[in-house]
Amino acid sequence: QLDNTARVARTKRDIARLLTELRAREIAAAEAAAGGEA
């Protein structure tokens, strides 16, 4: 039971890390598309 709980928590962190990376790339792409006008 404890092992399963730990695995769920670790998976949630992994998902959050992936979402953060995707968001960072999205922001970088938007800034590049803006051509540095901002």
C-alpha atoms as a PDB file:
ATOM      1  CA  GLN A   1       0.000   0.000   0.000  1.00  0.00           C
ATOM      2  CA  LEU A   2       2.729   2.480   0.935  1.00  0.00           C
ATOM      3  CA  ASP A   3       4.715   1.576  -2.164  1.00  0.00           C
ATOM      4  CA  ASN A   4       1.684   2.277  -4.341  1.00  0.00           C
ATOM      5  CA  THR A   5       1.106   5.638  -2.634  1.00  0.00           C
ATOM      6  CA  ALA A   6       4.721   6.622  -3.178  1.00  0.00           C
ATOM      7  CA  ARG A   7       4.478   5.613  -6.828  1.00  0.00           C
ATOM      8  CA  VAL A   8       1.372   7.768  -7.314  1.00  0.00           C
ATOM      9  CA  ALA A   9       3.082  10.769  -5.723  1.00  0.00           C
ATOM     10  CA  ARG A  10       6.183  10.259  -7.860  1.00  0.00           C
ATOM     11  CA  THR A  11       4.061   9.972 -11.004  1.00  0.00           C
ATOM     12  CA  LYS A  12       2.232  13.201 -10.162  1.00  0.00           C
ATOM     13  CA  ARG A  13       5.588  14.963  -9.794  1.00  0.00           C
ATOM     14  CA  ASP A  14       6.754  13.540 -13.118  1.00  0.00           C
ATOM     15  CA  ILE A  15       3.593  14.785 -14.819  1.00  0.00           C
ATOM     16  CA  ALA A  16       3.987  18.225 -13.251  1.00  0.00           C
ATOM     17  CA  ARG A  17       7.598  18.328 -14.433  1.00  0.00           C
ATOM     18  CA  LEU A  18       6.536  17.463 -17.985  1.00  0.00           C
ATOM     19  CA  LEU A  19       3.791  20.090 -17.975  1.00  0.00           C
ATOM     20  CA  THR A  20       6.263  22.686 -16.694  1.00  0.00           C
ATOM     21  CA  GLU A  21       8.716  21.837 -19.484  1.00  0.00           C
ATOM     22  CA  LEU A  22       5.980  22.043 -22.111  1.00  0.00           C
ATOM     23  CA  ARG A  23       4.824  25.404 -20.743  1.00  0.00           C
ATOM     24  CA  ALA A  24       8.383  26.745 -20.775  1.00  0.00           C
ATOM     25  CA  ARG A  25       8.770  25.710 -24.425  1.00  0.00           C
ATOM     26  CA  GLU A  26       5.406  27.286 -25.254  1.00  0.00           C
ATOM     27  CA  ILE A  27       6.478  30.581 -23.688  1.00  0.00           C
ATOM     28  CA  ALA A  28       9.839  30.495 -25.481  1.00  0.00           C
ATOM     29  CA  ALA A  29       8.101  29.822 -28.800  1.00  0.00           C
ATOM     30  CA  ALA A  30       5.665  32.684 -28.234  1.00  0.00           C
ATOM     31  CA  GLU A  31       8.504  35.072 -27.420  1.00  0.00           C
ATOM     32  CA  ALA A  32      10.389  33.980 -30.535  1.00  0.00           C
ATOM     33  CA  ALA A  33       7.257  34.458 -32.659  1.00  0.00           C
ATOM     34  CA  ALA A  34       6.826  37.964 -31.239  1.00  0.00           C
ATOM     35  CA  GLY A  35      10.198  38.822 -32.705  1.00  0.00           C
ATOM     36  CA  GLY A  36      11.332  40.481 -29.506  1.00  0.00           C
ATOM     37  CA  GLU A  37       8.797  43.285 -29.851  1.00  0.00           C
ATOM     38  CA  ALA A  38       7.576  42.936 -26.279  1.00  0.00           C
END
